[in-house]
Amino acid sequence: MNFVNKKTMNKIFLAFIFLIAAVTVKAQSEQQKIVYDLNSNDTAVHSTVLRQFTNVLKAAPETELELVCHGQAIYMFLKDKLYFEEKIKELKANGKVSFKVCANSLKRYNIDQSLVSTLADIVPVAILELASKQKQDWSYIKAGN
């Protein structure tokens, strides 16, 4: 009887090890989703965020990234101040990157929505967009200052 118990225990132990291995592999293969919160008008900060997006996509090409701009960061996507247009187009080309501009911030600075580049989507409230992404299990990164 003691022999049967050892045999049964070994099977249970092996099953447990396989279960842990399967969970570990699944966790490593899950797609990352990261939302960045940006409110700076500093072009050096904008450049850094775009470089970070590029680095993340090189390391993990399936990662979904979203940049939410509010406050003075909305200037990053105005048609006449689009310093990083080519880089933004390049990032958007893979279909995993999106850019959002806050309508409340546009209103605050008296900027008409028609002046925003089509490379970004306008969201009603940046904070609600950020909260929604976090509720959907996106990781949150505060960019810049």
C-alpha atoms as a PDB file:
ATOM      1  CA  MET A   1       0.000   0.000   0.000  1.00  0.00           C
ATOM      2  CA  ASN A   2       2.895   2.316   0.757  1.00  0.00           C
ATOM      3  CA  PHE A   3       4.211   1.703  -2.788  1.00  0.00           C
ATOM      4  CA  VAL A   4       0.889   2.804  -4.354  1.00  0.00           C
ATOM      5  CA  ASN A   5       0.876   5.974  -2.316  1.00  0.00           C
ATOM      6  CA  LYS A   6       4.394   6.848  -3.496  1.00  0.00           C
ATOM      7  CA  LYS A   7       3.441   6.151  -7.095  1.00  0.00           C
ATOM      8  CA  THR A   8       0.312   8.283  -6.777  1.00  0.00           C
ATOM      9  CA  MET A   9       2.278  11.073  -5.118  1.00  0.00           C
ATOM     10  CA  ASN A  10       4.851  11.030  -7.931  1.00  0.00           C
ATOM     11  CA  LYS A  11       2.067  11.367 -10.533  1.00  0.00           C
ATOM     12  CA  ILE A  12       0.519  14.264  -8.624  1.00  0.00           C
ATOM     13  CA  PHE A  13       3.915  15.943  -8.310  1.00  0.00           C
ATOM     14  CA  LEU A  14       4.611  15.561 -12.056  1.00  0.00           C
ATOM     15  CA  ALA A  15       1.163  16.905 -12.927  1.00  0.00           C
ATOM     16  CA  PHE A  16       1.824  19.904 -10.683  1.00  0.00           C
ATOM     17  CA  ILE A  17       5.183  20.565 -12.371  1.00  0.00           C
ATOM     18  CA  PHE A  18       3.577  20.410 -15.839  1.00  0.00           C
ATOM     19  CA  LEU A  19       0.829  22.771 -14.712  1.00  0.00           C
ATOM     20  CA  ILE A  20       3.375  25.315 -13.439  1.00  0.00           C
ATOM     21  CA  ALA A  21       5.356  25.037 -16.673  1.00  0.00           C
ATOM     22  CA  ALA A  22       2.223  25.584 -18.776  1.00  0.00           C
ATOM     23  CA  VAL A  23       1.188  28.658 -16.763  1.00  0.00           C
ATOM     24  CA  THR A  24       4.707  30.096 -17.052  1.00  0.00           C
ATOM     25  CA  VAL A  25       4.808  29.616 -20.849  1.00  0.00           C
ATOM     26  CA  LYS A  26       1.345  31.176 -21.222  1.00  0.00           C
ATOM     27  CA  ALA A  27       2.319  34.202 -19.110  1.00  0.00           C
ATOM     28  CA  GLN A  28       5.461  34.763 -21.172  1.00  0.00           C
ATOM     29  CA  SER A  29       3.589  34.551 -24.467  1.00  0.00           C
ATOM     30  CA  GLU A  30       0.762  36.938 -23.523  1.00  0.00           C
ATOM     31  CA  GLN A  31       0.686  40.118 -25.529  1.00  0.00           C
ATOM     32  CA  GLN A  32       1.715  43.252 -23.650  1.00  0.00           C
ATOM     33  CA  LYS A  33      -0.495  46.354 -23.790  1.00  0.00           C
ATOM     34  CA  ILE A  34       0.962  49.634 -22.586  1.00  0.00           C
ATOM     35  CA  VAL A  35      -0.668  53.063 -22.404  1.00  0.00           C
ATOM     36  CA  TYR A  36       1.532  56.143 -22.004  1.00  0.00           C
ATOM     37  CA  ASP A  37       0.262  59.338 -20.364  1.00  0.00           C
ATOM     38  CA  LEU A  38       1.877  62.485 -21.803  1.00  0.00           C
ATOM     39  CA  ASN A  39       1.175  66.117 -20.877  1.00  0.00           C
ATOM     40  CA  SER A  40       4.497  67.772 -21.775  1.00  0.00           C
ATOM     41  CA  ASN A  41       5.081  70.075 -24.737  1.00  0.00           C
ATOM     42  CA  ASP A  42       8.829  69.392 -24.611  1.00  0.00           C
ATOM     43  CA  THR A  43       9.930  67.961 -27.969  1.00  0.00           C
ATOM     44  CA  ALA A  44      12.827  66.166 -26.234  1.00  0.00           C
ATOM     45  CA  VAL A  45      10.245  64.260 -24.178  1.00  0.00           C
ATOM     46  CA  HIS A  46       8.240  63.517 -27.333  1.00  0.00           C
ATOM     47  CA  SER A  47      11.371  62.153 -29.001  1.00  0.00           C
ATOM     48  CA  THR A  48      12.130  59.978 -25.971  1.00  0.00           C
ATOM     49  CA  VAL A  49       8.620  58.480 -25.936  1.00  0.00           C
ATOM     50  CA  LEU A  50       8.770  57.668 -29.640  1.00  0.00           C
ATOM     51  CA  ARG A  51      12.212  56.079 -29.166  1.00  0.00           C
ATOM     52  CA  GLN A  52      10.805  54.008 -26.295  1.00  0.00           C
ATOM     53  CA  PHE A  53       7.960  52.841 -28.545  1.00  0.00           C
ATOM     54  CA  THR A  54      10.502  51.779 -31.173  1.00  0.00           C
ATOM     55  CA  ASN A  55      12.605  49.917 -28.598  1.00  0.00           C
ATOM     56  CA  VAL A  56       9.585  48.106 -27.160  1.00  0.00           C
ATOM     57  CA  LEU A  57       8.432  47.016 -30.615  1.00  0.00           C
ATOM     58  CA  LYS A  58      11.913  45.740 -31.504  1.00  0.00           C
ATOM     59  CA  ALA A  59      11.980  43.606 -28.353  1.00  0.00           C
ATOM     60  CA  ALA A  60       8.313  42.543 -28.466  1.00  0.00           C
ATOM     61  CA  PRO A  61       6.721  43.237 -31.891  1.00  0.00           C
ATOM     62  CA  GLU A  62       3.244  42.135 -30.807  1.00  0.00           C
ATOM     63  CA  THR A  63       3.021  44.746 -28.046  1.00  0.00           C
ATOM     64  CA  GLU A  64       0.143  47.210 -28.315  1.00  0.00           C
ATOM     65  CA  LEU A  65       1.094  50.792 -27.475  1.00  0.00           C
ATOM     66  CA  GLU A  66      -1.038  53.888 -27.027  1.00  0.00           C
ATOM     67  CA  LEU A  67       0.071  57.435 -26.317  1.00  0.00           C
ATOM     68  CA  VAL A  68      -2.571  59.673 -24.726  1.00  0.00           C
ATOM     69  CA  CYS A  69      -1.753  63.385 -25.046  1.00  0.00           C
ATOM     70  CA  HIS A  70      -3.390  66.021 -22.900  1.00  0.00           C
ATOM     71  CA  GLY A  71      -2.449  69.411 -21.510  1.00  0.00           C
ATOM     72  CA  GLN A  72       0.296  70.966 -23.609  1.00  0.00           C
ATOM     73  CA  ALA A  73       1.223  67.608 -25.133  1.00  0.00           C
ATOM     74  CA  ILE A  74      -1.614  68.142 -27.615  1.00  0.00           C
ATOM     75  CA  TYR A  75       0.755  70.427 -29.538  1.00  0.00           C
ATOM     76  CA  MET A  76       2.662  67.290 -30.569  1.00  0.00           C
ATOM     77  CA  PHE A  77      -0.160  66.489 -33.020  1.00  0.00           C
ATOM     78  CA  LEU A  78      -1.040  69.873 -34.450  1.00  0.00           C
ATOM     79  CA  LYS A  79      -0.652  69.848 -38.225  1.00  0.00           C
ATOM     80  CA  ASP A  80       1.647  72.887 -38.281  1.00  0.00           C
ATOM     81  CA  LYS A  81       3.888  71.580 -35.454  1.00  0.00           C
ATOM     82  CA  LEU A  82       4.205  67.908 -36.396  1.00  0.00           C
ATOM     83  CA  TYR A  83       7.964  67.545 -35.887  1.00  0.00           C
ATOM     84  CA  PHE A  84       7.913  63.753 -35.681  1.00  0.00           C
ATOM     85  CA  GLU A  85       5.501  62.982 -38.525  1.00  0.00           C
ATOM     86  CA  GLU A  86       7.672  60.371 -40.262  1.00  0.00           C
ATOM     87  CA  LYS A  87       8.464  58.547 -37.011  1.00  0.00           C
ATOM     88  CA  ILE A  88       4.781  58.536 -36.019  1.00  0.00           C
ATOM     89  CA  LYS A  89       3.775  57.189 -39.445  1.00  0.00           C
ATOM     90  CA  GLU A  90       6.425  54.482 -39.145  1.00  0.00           C
ATOM     91  CA  LEU A  91       5.166  53.439 -35.702  1.00  0.00           C
ATOM     92  CA  LYS A  92       1.526  53.405 -36.806  1.00  0.00           C
ATOM     93  CA  ALA A  93       2.332  51.280 -39.867  1.00  0.00           C
ATOM     94  CA  ASN A  94       2.451  48.033 -37.888  1.00  0.00           C
ATOM     95  CA  GLY A  95      -1.101  48.516 -36.620  1.00  0.00           C
ATOM     96  CA  LYS A  96      -0.104  48.084 -32.945  1.00  0.00           C
ATOM     97  CA  VAL A  97       0.417  51.765 -32.079  1.00  0.00           C
ATOM     98  CA  SER A  98      -2.206  54.452 -31.590  1.00  0.00           C
ATOM     99  CA  PHE A  99      -2.097  58.103 -30.607  1.00  0.00           C
ATOM    100  CA  LYS A 100      -4.876  59.995 -28.815  1.00  0.00           C
ATOM    101  CA  VAL A 101      -5.437  63.703 -28.243  1.00  0.00           C
ATOM    102  CA  CYS A 102      -7.735  65.054 -25.543  1.00  0.00           C
ATOM    103  CA  ALA A 103     -10.693  67.132 -26.751  1.00  0.00           C
ATOM    104  CA  ASN A 104     -10.920  68.871 -23.369  1.00  0.00           C
ATOM    105  CA  SER A 105      -7.324  70.068 -23.715  1.00  0.00           C
ATOM    106  CA  LEU A 106      -7.995  71.321 -27.242  1.00  0.00           C
ATOM    107  CA  LYS A 107     -10.955  73.282 -25.910  1.00  0.00           C
ATOM    108  CA  ARG A 108      -8.897  74.621 -22.987  1.00  0.00           C
ATOM    109  CA  TYR A 109      -6.266  76.018 -25.378  1.00  0.00           C
ATOM    110  CA  ASN A 110      -8.873  77.207 -27.926  1.00  0.00           C
ATOM    111  CA  ILE A 111      -7.614  74.887 -30.648  1.00  0.00           C
ATOM    112  CA  ASP A 112     -10.052  73.663 -33.267  1.00  0.00           C
ATOM    113  CA  GLN A 113     -10.113  69.890 -33.723  1.00  0.00           C
ATOM    114  CA  SER A 114      -9.557  70.336 -37.479  1.00  0.00           C
ATOM    115  CA  LEU A 115      -5.983  71.449 -36.682  1.00  0.00           C
ATOM    116  CA  VAL A 116      -5.121  68.023 -35.230  1.00  0.00           C
ATOM    117  CA  SER A 117      -3.269  65.632 -37.524  1.00  0.00           C
ATOM    118  CA  THR A 118      -5.157  62.589 -38.753  1.00  0.00           C
ATOM    119  CA  LEU A 119      -2.312  60.516 -37.268  1.00  0.00           C
ATOM    120  CA  ALA A 120      -4.038  60.919 -33.889  1.00  0.00           C
ATOM    121  CA  ASP A 121      -7.583  60.192 -32.805  1.00  0.00           C
ATOM    122  CA  ILE A 122      -9.404  62.659 -30.604  1.00  0.00           C
ATOM    123  CA  VAL A 123     -10.850  61.330 -27.353  1.00  0.00           C
ATOM    124  CA  PRO A 124     -13.327  63.326 -25.256  1.00  0.00           C
ATOM    125  CA  VAL A 125     -11.365  63.121 -21.976  1.00  0.00           C
ATOM    126  CA  ALA A 126      -7.763  61.897 -21.716  1.00  0.00           C
ATOM    127  CA  ILE A 127      -8.112  60.761 -18.095  1.00  0.00           C
ATOM    128  CA  LEU A 128     -11.109  58.589 -18.982  1.00  0.00           C
ATOM    129  CA  GLU A 129      -9.143  57.061 -21.872  1.00  0.00           C
ATOM    130  CA  LEU A 130      -6.273  56.244 -19.512  1.00  0.00           C
ATOM    131  CA  ALA A 131      -8.622  54.812 -16.900  1.00  0.00           C
ATOM    132  CA  SER A 132     -10.410  52.716 -19.513  1.00  0.00           C
ATOM    133  CA  LYS A 133      -7.142  51.200 -20.722  1.00  0.00           C
ATOM    134  CA  GLN A 134      -6.075  50.403 -17.169  1.00  0.00           C
ATOM    135  CA  LYS A 135      -9.432  48.759 -16.531  1.00  0.00           C
ATOM    136  CA  GLN A 136      -8.703  46.593 -19.584  1.00  0.00           C
ATOM    137  CA  ASP A 137      -5.405  45.498 -17.954  1.00  0.00           C
ATOM    138  CA  TRP A 138      -3.117  47.784 -19.924  1.00  0.00           C
ATOM    139  CA  SER A 139       0.086  48.739 -18.135  1.00  0.00           C
ATOM    140  CA  TYR A 140       0.335  52.472 -17.361  1.00  0.00           C
ATOM    141  CA  ILE A 141       3.432  54.605 -17.935  1.00  0.00           C
ATOM    142  CA  LYS A 142       3.664  58.294 -17.056  1.00  0.00           C
ATOM    143  CA  ALA A 143       5.840  59.826 -19.762  1.00  0.00           C
ATOM    144  CA  GLY A 144       8.043  62.867 -19.265  1.00  0.00           C
ATOM    145  CA  ASN A 145       7.686  65.274 -16.373  1.00  0.00           C
END
